[in-house]
N, C-alpha and C. Protein backbone atom coordinates (compact mmCIF):
# COMPACT_ATOMS: atom_id res chain seq x y z
N MET A 1 54.81 -16.75 15.12
CA MET A 1 53.67 -17.63 15.02
C MET A 1 52.37 -16.87 15.29
N LYS A 2 52.43 -15.97 16.27
CA LYS A 2 51.24 -15.20 16.62
C LYS A 2 50.82 -14.29 15.47
N SER A 3 51.81 -13.70 14.77
CA SER A 3 51.49 -12.80 13.66
C SER A 3 50.88 -13.57 12.48
N ILE A 4 51.27 -14.80 12.26
CA ILE A 4 50.68 -15.62 11.19
C ILE A 4 49.21 -15.88 11.48
N LYS A 5 48.91 -16.19 12.73
CA LYS A 5 47.52 -16.42 13.12
C LYS A 5 46.69 -15.17 12.92
N LEU A 6 47.26 -14.01 13.25
CA LEU A 6 46.55 -12.74 13.06
C LEU A 6 46.29 -12.46 11.58
N VAL A 7 47.27 -12.74 10.73
CA VAL A 7 47.12 -12.52 9.29
C VAL A 7 46.04 -13.46 8.74
N VAL A 8 46.07 -14.72 9.13
CA VAL A 8 45.06 -15.68 8.68
C VAL A 8 43.68 -15.27 9.17
N ALA A 9 43.57 -14.83 10.41
CA ALA A 9 42.29 -14.38 10.95
C ALA A 9 41.78 -13.16 10.19
N ALA A 10 42.68 -12.25 9.85
CA ALA A 10 42.29 -11.05 9.10
C ALA A 10 41.79 -11.42 7.71
N ILE A 11 42.47 -12.35 7.05
CA ILE A 11 42.05 -12.79 5.71
C ILE A 11 40.69 -13.46 5.77
N ILE A 12 40.49 -14.35 6.70
CA ILE A 12 39.20 -15.03 6.85
C ILE A 12 38.10 -14.03 7.18
N GLY A 13 38.41 -13.10 8.06
CA GLY A 13 37.43 -12.06 8.42
C GLY A 13 37.03 -11.21 7.24
N SER A 14 37.99 -10.83 6.40
CA SER A 14 37.66 -10.01 5.22
C SER A 14 36.86 -10.80 4.20
N ILE A 15 37.13 -12.09 4.06
CA ILE A 15 36.36 -12.92 3.14
C ILE A 15 34.92 -13.04 3.62
N VAL A 16 34.74 -13.31 4.89
CA VAL A 16 33.40 -13.47 5.46
C VAL A 16 32.63 -12.15 5.36
N SER A 17 33.24 -11.04 5.74
CA SER A 17 32.53 -9.77 5.69
C SER A 17 32.30 -9.33 4.25
N GLY A 18 33.19 -9.65 3.34
CA GLY A 18 33.01 -9.31 1.93
C GLY A 18 31.82 -10.04 1.34
N CYS A 19 31.65 -11.30 1.69
CA CYS A 19 30.53 -12.08 1.17
C CYS A 19 29.21 -11.61 1.76
N SER A 20 29.24 -11.04 2.94
CA SER A 20 27.98 -10.64 3.58
C SER A 20 27.36 -9.40 2.94
N VAL A 21 28.11 -8.66 2.15
CA VAL A 21 27.54 -7.47 1.52
C VAL A 21 27.03 -7.73 0.11
N LEU A 22 27.26 -8.93 -0.41
CA LEU A 22 26.75 -9.26 -1.74
C LEU A 22 25.23 -9.40 -1.69
N PRO A 23 24.55 -8.97 -2.76
CA PRO A 23 23.09 -9.10 -2.77
C PRO A 23 22.65 -10.52 -3.11
N ILE A 24 22.90 -11.44 -2.22
CA ILE A 24 22.53 -12.83 -2.44
C ILE A 24 21.05 -13.00 -2.15
N LYS A 25 20.35 -13.61 -3.10
CA LYS A 25 18.91 -13.79 -2.93
C LYS A 25 18.66 -15.10 -2.18
N SER A 26 18.03 -14.97 -1.03
CA SER A 26 17.68 -16.16 -0.28
C SER A 26 16.30 -16.62 -0.72
N SER A 27 15.95 -17.81 -0.33
CA SER A 27 14.63 -18.31 -0.68
C SER A 27 13.57 -17.49 0.07
N ILE A 28 12.40 -17.45 -0.52
CA ILE A 28 11.32 -16.68 0.08
C ILE A 28 10.60 -17.56 1.10
N LYS A 29 10.37 -17.02 2.28
CA LYS A 29 9.69 -17.75 3.34
C LYS A 29 8.26 -18.08 2.93
N ASP A 30 7.68 -19.10 3.59
CA ASP A 30 6.28 -19.46 3.33
C ASP A 30 5.38 -18.26 3.63
N ASN A 31 4.38 -18.08 2.76
CA ASN A 31 3.38 -17.01 2.90
C ASN A 31 3.99 -15.60 2.87
N HIS A 32 5.15 -15.44 2.27
CA HIS A 32 5.82 -14.15 2.16
C HIS A 32 6.10 -13.82 0.70
N PHE A 33 6.36 -12.55 0.43
CA PHE A 33 6.87 -12.10 -0.85
C PHE A 33 8.11 -11.26 -0.57
N ARG A 34 8.92 -11.07 -1.59
CA ARG A 34 10.12 -10.24 -1.46
C ARG A 34 9.92 -9.00 -2.32
N ILE A 35 10.38 -7.86 -1.83
CA ILE A 35 10.34 -6.63 -2.63
C ILE A 35 11.72 -6.01 -2.64
N GLU A 36 12.16 -5.64 -3.85
CA GLU A 36 13.47 -5.05 -4.05
C GLU A 36 13.31 -3.58 -4.39
N ASN A 37 14.07 -2.75 -3.74
CA ASN A 37 14.07 -1.33 -4.02
C ASN A 37 14.93 -1.05 -5.25
N PHE A 38 14.71 0.10 -5.89
CA PHE A 38 15.45 0.46 -7.09
C PHE A 38 16.57 1.44 -6.74
N MET A 39 17.74 1.22 -7.36
CA MET A 39 18.85 2.14 -7.16
C MET A 39 19.68 2.20 -8.44
N ASP A 40 19.95 3.40 -8.90
CA ASP A 40 20.89 3.62 -10.00
C ASP A 40 21.73 4.83 -9.62
N ASP A 41 22.95 4.56 -9.18
CA ASP A 41 23.83 5.65 -8.77
C ASP A 41 25.18 5.58 -9.49
N ARG A 42 25.16 5.00 -10.69
CA ARG A 42 26.40 4.82 -11.42
C ARG A 42 26.74 5.99 -12.34
N GLY A 43 25.78 6.77 -12.75
CA GLY A 43 26.04 7.84 -13.71
C GLY A 43 26.07 9.20 -13.06
N ALA A 44 25.77 10.21 -13.87
CA ALA A 44 25.76 11.58 -13.37
C ALA A 44 24.57 11.83 -12.45
N ASP A 45 23.49 11.09 -12.67
CA ASP A 45 22.30 11.21 -11.82
C ASP A 45 22.24 10.04 -10.85
N LYS A 46 21.74 10.31 -9.66
CA LYS A 46 21.51 9.25 -8.68
C LYS A 46 20.00 9.12 -8.52
N GLU A 47 19.49 7.90 -8.64
CA GLU A 47 18.06 7.64 -8.55
C GLU A 47 17.81 6.51 -7.57
N TYR A 48 16.92 6.77 -6.62
CA TYR A 48 16.53 5.76 -5.64
C TYR A 48 15.01 5.75 -5.57
N VAL A 49 14.42 4.56 -5.62
CA VAL A 49 12.99 4.38 -5.42
C VAL A 49 12.86 3.23 -4.43
N TYR A 50 12.24 3.51 -3.27
CA TYR A 50 12.25 2.50 -2.22
C TYR A 50 11.02 2.61 -1.32
N LEU A 51 10.74 1.51 -0.63
CA LEU A 51 9.67 1.52 0.37
C LEU A 51 10.09 2.51 1.45
N MET A 52 9.24 3.48 1.69
CA MET A 52 9.57 4.55 2.63
C MET A 52 9.45 4.08 4.09
N CYS A 53 8.73 2.99 4.31
CA CYS A 53 8.44 2.56 5.69
C CYS A 53 8.90 1.13 5.94
N HIS A 54 9.26 0.88 7.17
CA HIS A 54 9.53 -0.48 7.64
C HIS A 54 9.13 -0.52 9.11
N LYS A 55 8.31 -1.48 9.45
CA LYS A 55 7.76 -1.60 10.80
C LYS A 55 7.03 -0.31 11.20
N LYS A 56 6.32 0.26 10.20
CA LYS A 56 5.50 1.47 10.37
C LYS A 56 6.30 2.70 10.78
N ARG A 57 7.60 2.68 10.45
CA ARG A 57 8.47 3.83 10.72
C ARG A 57 9.18 4.24 9.44
N VAL A 58 9.50 5.51 9.35
CA VAL A 58 10.19 6.03 8.17
C VAL A 58 11.58 5.41 8.12
N THR A 59 11.98 4.99 6.92
CA THR A 59 13.29 4.36 6.73
C THR A 59 13.93 4.88 5.45
N THR A 60 15.14 4.45 5.18
CA THR A 60 15.84 4.83 3.96
C THR A 60 15.95 3.62 3.04
N TRP A 61 16.63 3.78 1.93
CA TRP A 61 16.81 2.69 0.98
C TRP A 61 17.44 1.50 1.69
N SER A 62 17.02 0.29 1.33
CA SER A 62 17.59 -0.90 1.95
C SER A 62 17.63 -2.04 0.96
N ASN A 63 18.31 -3.09 1.33
CA ASN A 63 18.36 -4.31 0.52
C ASN A 63 16.98 -4.97 0.52
N PRO A 64 16.76 -5.96 -0.36
CA PRO A 64 15.45 -6.61 -0.43
C PRO A 64 15.00 -7.16 0.92
N LYS A 65 13.70 -7.03 1.17
CA LYS A 65 13.10 -7.54 2.40
C LYS A 65 11.90 -8.40 2.05
N GLN A 66 11.52 -9.26 2.98
CA GLN A 66 10.35 -10.12 2.80
C GLN A 66 9.24 -9.70 3.76
N PHE A 67 8.00 -9.79 3.26
CA PHE A 67 6.83 -9.41 4.04
C PHE A 67 5.74 -10.45 3.82
N MET A 68 4.78 -10.48 4.74
CA MET A 68 3.64 -11.39 4.61
C MET A 68 2.85 -11.05 3.35
N ALA A 69 2.44 -12.08 2.62
CA ALA A 69 1.65 -11.88 1.41
C ALA A 69 0.25 -11.37 1.77
N GLY A 70 -0.40 -10.74 0.81
CA GLY A 70 -1.76 -10.26 1.01
C GLY A 70 -1.91 -8.83 0.57
N LYS A 71 -3.01 -8.19 1.04
CA LYS A 71 -3.28 -6.80 0.69
C LYS A 71 -2.37 -5.88 1.49
N HIS A 72 -1.82 -4.90 0.79
CA HIS A 72 -0.90 -3.95 1.45
C HIS A 72 -1.16 -2.52 1.02
N ASN A 73 -0.85 -1.62 1.93
CA ASN A 73 -0.86 -0.18 1.68
C ASN A 73 0.60 0.25 1.81
N LEU A 74 1.25 0.50 0.67
CA LEU A 74 2.69 0.76 0.64
C LEU A 74 2.98 2.21 0.29
N TRP A 75 3.82 2.84 1.08
CA TRP A 75 4.31 4.18 0.77
C TRP A 75 5.69 4.06 0.15
N VAL A 76 5.87 4.73 -0.99
CA VAL A 76 7.12 4.64 -1.74
C VAL A 76 7.69 6.04 -1.91
N LYS A 77 9.00 6.15 -1.74
CA LYS A 77 9.69 7.43 -1.91
C LYS A 77 10.65 7.32 -3.09
N ALA A 78 10.67 8.35 -3.92
CA ALA A 78 11.65 8.46 -5.00
C ALA A 78 12.55 9.64 -4.68
N LEU A 79 13.83 9.45 -4.84
CA LEU A 79 14.81 10.49 -4.56
C LEU A 79 15.77 10.55 -5.75
N VAL A 80 15.86 11.71 -6.37
CA VAL A 80 16.68 11.89 -7.56
C VAL A 80 17.58 13.10 -7.34
N SER A 81 18.84 12.98 -7.73
CA SER A 81 19.75 14.12 -7.63
C SER A 81 20.86 13.99 -8.66
N LYS A 82 21.50 15.11 -8.93
CA LYS A 82 22.67 15.14 -9.82
C LYS A 82 23.90 14.98 -8.94
N ARG A 83 24.79 14.12 -9.35
CA ARG A 83 25.95 13.77 -8.53
C ARG A 83 26.79 14.99 -8.13
N ASP A 84 27.09 15.87 -9.04
CA ASP A 84 28.01 16.96 -8.75
C ASP A 84 27.34 18.33 -8.67
N THR A 85 26.04 18.34 -8.37
CA THR A 85 25.32 19.60 -8.30
C THR A 85 24.70 19.76 -6.91
N ALA A 86 25.10 20.80 -6.23
CA ALA A 86 24.56 21.05 -4.89
C ALA A 86 23.08 21.41 -4.98
N ASN A 87 22.32 21.02 -3.99
CA ASN A 87 20.89 21.31 -3.89
C ASN A 87 20.08 20.85 -5.10
N SER A 88 20.48 19.75 -5.71
CA SER A 88 19.75 19.24 -6.87
C SER A 88 18.76 18.14 -6.50
N GLN A 89 18.71 17.78 -5.23
CA GLN A 89 17.86 16.67 -4.79
C GLN A 89 16.38 17.01 -4.99
N ARG A 90 15.65 16.05 -5.56
CA ARG A 90 14.21 16.15 -5.76
C ARG A 90 13.58 14.87 -5.21
N VAL A 91 12.39 14.99 -4.62
CA VAL A 91 11.72 13.82 -4.06
C VAL A 91 10.27 13.77 -4.54
N ALA A 92 9.73 12.57 -4.48
CA ALA A 92 8.31 12.35 -4.78
C ALA A 92 7.85 11.18 -3.92
N TYR A 93 6.56 11.18 -3.58
CA TYR A 93 5.98 10.13 -2.74
C TYR A 93 4.72 9.61 -3.42
N VAL A 94 4.55 8.29 -3.41
CA VAL A 94 3.33 7.69 -3.94
C VAL A 94 2.87 6.59 -3.00
N ASN A 95 1.61 6.23 -3.13
CA ASN A 95 1.00 5.21 -2.28
C ASN A 95 0.36 4.14 -3.16
N PHE A 96 0.63 2.88 -2.84
CA PHE A 96 0.04 1.76 -3.56
C PHE A 96 -0.85 0.98 -2.62
N GLU A 97 -2.06 0.68 -3.06
CA GLU A 97 -2.91 -0.29 -2.38
C GLU A 97 -2.95 -1.48 -3.32
N ILE A 98 -2.35 -2.58 -2.89
CA ILE A 98 -2.09 -3.69 -3.80
C ILE A 98 -2.09 -5.01 -3.04
N GLU A 99 -2.45 -6.07 -3.74
CA GLU A 99 -2.35 -7.42 -3.17
C GLU A 99 -1.14 -8.08 -3.80
N LEU A 100 -0.23 -8.56 -2.94
CA LEU A 100 0.99 -9.19 -3.41
C LEU A 100 1.00 -10.66 -2.99
N SER A 101 1.35 -11.53 -3.93
CA SER A 101 1.23 -12.98 -3.77
C SER A 101 2.42 -13.60 -3.07
N ALA A 102 2.15 -14.67 -2.34
CA ALA A 102 3.19 -15.42 -1.64
C ALA A 102 4.13 -16.08 -2.65
N GLY A 103 5.39 -16.14 -2.28
CA GLY A 103 6.39 -16.81 -3.10
C GLY A 103 6.92 -15.99 -4.26
N GLU A 104 6.42 -14.79 -4.42
CA GLU A 104 6.83 -13.94 -5.55
C GLU A 104 7.88 -12.93 -5.13
N SER A 105 8.63 -12.46 -6.12
CA SER A 105 9.63 -11.43 -5.91
C SER A 105 9.26 -10.24 -6.79
N TYR A 106 9.17 -9.06 -6.18
CA TYR A 106 8.75 -7.85 -6.88
C TYR A 106 9.86 -6.81 -6.81
N THR A 107 9.83 -5.89 -7.78
CA THR A 107 10.80 -4.81 -7.85
C THR A 107 10.08 -3.49 -8.07
N LEU A 108 10.52 -2.45 -7.37
CA LEU A 108 10.04 -1.10 -7.66
C LEU A 108 10.79 -0.59 -8.87
N ASN A 109 10.08 0.10 -9.77
CA ASN A 109 10.72 0.64 -10.96
C ASN A 109 10.19 2.03 -11.23
N ARG A 110 10.82 2.76 -12.16
CA ARG A 110 10.46 4.14 -12.40
C ARG A 110 10.81 4.57 -13.81
N LYS A 111 10.22 5.69 -14.22
CA LYS A 111 10.58 6.38 -15.46
C LYS A 111 10.47 7.87 -15.16
N ILE A 112 11.51 8.62 -15.50
CA ILE A 112 11.53 10.05 -15.22
C ILE A 112 11.37 10.83 -16.52
N ASP A 113 10.42 11.77 -16.52
CA ASP A 113 10.21 12.69 -17.63
C ASP A 113 10.24 14.11 -17.07
N ASP A 114 11.33 14.81 -17.30
CA ASP A 114 11.53 16.17 -16.79
C ASP A 114 11.34 16.21 -15.28
N GLU A 115 10.28 16.86 -14.82
CA GLU A 115 10.05 17.00 -13.37
C GLU A 115 8.99 16.03 -12.85
N GLN A 116 8.65 15.02 -13.64
CA GLN A 116 7.67 14.03 -13.20
C GLN A 116 8.30 12.65 -13.20
N ILE A 117 7.83 11.82 -12.28
CA ILE A 117 8.31 10.45 -12.20
C ILE A 117 7.11 9.52 -12.18
N SER A 118 7.21 8.45 -12.95
CA SER A 118 6.21 7.38 -12.94
C SER A 118 6.81 6.22 -12.17
N ILE A 119 6.06 5.68 -11.23
CA ILE A 119 6.56 4.60 -10.37
C ILE A 119 5.57 3.44 -10.42
N TRP A 120 6.10 2.22 -10.47
CA TRP A 120 5.25 1.03 -10.48
C TRP A 120 5.98 -0.13 -9.81
N ILE A 121 5.21 -1.18 -9.55
CA ILE A 121 5.75 -2.43 -8.99
C ILE A 121 5.65 -3.47 -10.09
N GLN A 122 6.75 -4.20 -10.29
CA GLN A 122 6.75 -5.23 -11.33
C GLN A 122 7.28 -6.54 -10.78
N ASP A 123 6.93 -7.63 -11.46
CA ASP A 123 7.43 -8.95 -11.13
C ASP A 123 8.92 -8.98 -11.47
N SER A 124 9.75 -9.39 -10.54
CA SER A 124 11.20 -9.39 -10.75
C SER A 124 11.64 -10.38 -11.82
N GLU A 125 10.91 -11.48 -11.94
CA GLU A 125 11.31 -12.53 -12.88
C GLU A 125 11.03 -12.17 -14.33
N ASN A 126 9.81 -11.68 -14.61
CA ASN A 126 9.42 -11.46 -16.01
C ASN A 126 9.19 -10.00 -16.36
N GLY A 127 9.29 -9.09 -15.40
CA GLY A 127 9.13 -7.67 -15.68
C GLY A 127 7.69 -7.22 -15.85
N LYS A 128 6.72 -8.11 -15.65
CA LYS A 128 5.32 -7.75 -15.80
C LYS A 128 4.91 -6.76 -14.70
N VAL A 129 4.25 -5.67 -15.12
CA VAL A 129 3.79 -4.66 -14.17
C VAL A 129 2.59 -5.22 -13.42
N VAL A 130 2.63 -5.19 -12.08
CA VAL A 130 1.57 -5.78 -11.26
C VAL A 130 0.77 -4.72 -10.49
N SER A 131 1.14 -3.45 -10.65
CA SER A 131 0.45 -2.38 -9.94
C SER A 131 0.00 -1.33 -10.94
N LYS A 132 -0.78 -0.37 -10.46
CA LYS A 132 -1.06 0.81 -11.27
C LYS A 132 0.23 1.62 -11.35
N VAL A 133 0.37 2.38 -12.42
CA VAL A 133 1.51 3.27 -12.55
C VAL A 133 1.12 4.59 -11.90
N LYS A 134 1.88 4.99 -10.89
CA LYS A 134 1.61 6.23 -10.17
C LYS A 134 2.54 7.32 -10.69
N VAL A 135 1.99 8.50 -10.94
CA VAL A 135 2.78 9.62 -11.44
C VAL A 135 2.80 10.71 -10.36
N ALA A 136 3.99 11.24 -10.11
CA ALA A 136 4.13 12.29 -9.10
C ALA A 136 5.15 13.31 -9.59
N LYS A 137 5.03 14.51 -9.07
CA LYS A 137 5.96 15.58 -9.41
C LYS A 137 7.19 15.49 -8.52
N LEU A 138 8.37 15.58 -9.12
CA LEU A 138 9.61 15.62 -8.36
C LEU A 138 9.80 17.05 -7.86
N GLU A 139 9.89 17.20 -6.53
CA GLU A 139 9.96 18.53 -5.93
C GLU A 139 11.14 18.61 -4.97
N LEU A 140 11.48 19.84 -4.62
CA LEU A 140 12.49 20.05 -3.58
C LEU A 140 11.98 19.44 -2.28
N PRO A 141 12.85 18.80 -1.50
CA PRO A 141 12.40 18.26 -0.22
C PRO A 141 11.92 19.37 0.70
N LYS A 142 10.83 19.12 1.40
CA LYS A 142 10.32 20.10 2.37
C LYS A 142 11.21 20.06 3.61
N VAL A 143 11.39 21.21 4.21
CA VAL A 143 12.24 21.30 5.39
C VAL A 143 11.60 20.58 6.57
N VAL A 144 10.28 20.75 6.70
CA VAL A 144 9.59 20.15 7.83
C VAL A 144 8.45 19.27 7.31
N ASP A 145 8.72 17.98 7.18
CA ASP A 145 7.65 17.06 6.79
C ASP A 145 7.75 15.73 7.52
N LYS A 146 8.55 15.72 8.57
CA LYS A 146 8.78 14.49 9.34
C LYS A 146 7.47 13.92 9.92
N ARG A 147 6.62 14.80 10.44
CA ARG A 147 5.36 14.36 11.03
C ARG A 147 4.45 13.72 9.98
N LEU A 148 4.35 14.35 8.81
CA LEU A 148 3.52 13.82 7.73
C LEU A 148 4.02 12.45 7.30
N ARG A 149 5.31 12.30 7.12
CA ARG A 149 5.87 10.99 6.70
C ARG A 149 5.65 9.94 7.77
N ARG A 150 5.76 10.30 9.03
CA ARG A 150 5.52 9.36 10.12
C ARG A 150 4.05 8.91 10.10
N GLU A 151 3.14 9.86 9.91
CA GLU A 151 1.71 9.52 9.84
C GLU A 151 1.42 8.62 8.64
N GLN A 152 2.07 8.88 7.51
CA GLN A 152 1.87 8.03 6.35
C GLN A 152 2.35 6.60 6.64
N CYS A 153 3.50 6.47 7.26
CA CYS A 153 4.01 5.13 7.60
C CYS A 153 3.08 4.41 8.59
N GLU A 154 2.56 5.14 9.55
CA GLU A 154 1.63 4.54 10.51
C GLU A 154 0.36 4.07 9.83
N SER A 155 -0.06 4.74 8.74
CA SER A 155 -1.27 4.35 8.03
C SER A 155 -1.03 3.18 7.08
N GLY A 156 0.22 2.87 6.77
CA GLY A 156 0.55 1.79 5.86
C GLY A 156 0.55 0.45 6.57
N THR A 157 0.82 -0.60 5.79
CA THR A 157 0.82 -1.95 6.36
C THR A 157 2.22 -2.49 6.59
N ILE A 158 3.22 -1.76 6.16
CA ILE A 158 4.60 -2.22 6.34
C ILE A 158 5.38 -1.20 7.14
């Protein structure tokens, strides 16, 4: 009898934890907007474009988050690499000064041309570009740039 309870508990636990990792879109809070980071890691190349900062600290790629609507200074990081090639990682950083509206959902997007990347923010629903398109060179990551990235996050609004 005890083993049946354990099996049932394990099944329920796996169902609950399995559902918690799905990218379920919740409603947007009052006076907030949602921003979704970009990720494509299904092919030979891995591409990530994401808000570099959260709570004014350097962060990594994350699921969609909500922030207060209004004017923002956003730092965005792009990270591109080849899946099976050592030391192929390239990064680029851009800064957006933009006003984002309450109740809206936005997505970071990109286009890569050789060693350059174009990055923009678009409306998630209709794909309309809502920011300037920023172009940056994809470069090898610097060994020591932690202080610079921290200062950039401190200067941003998120």
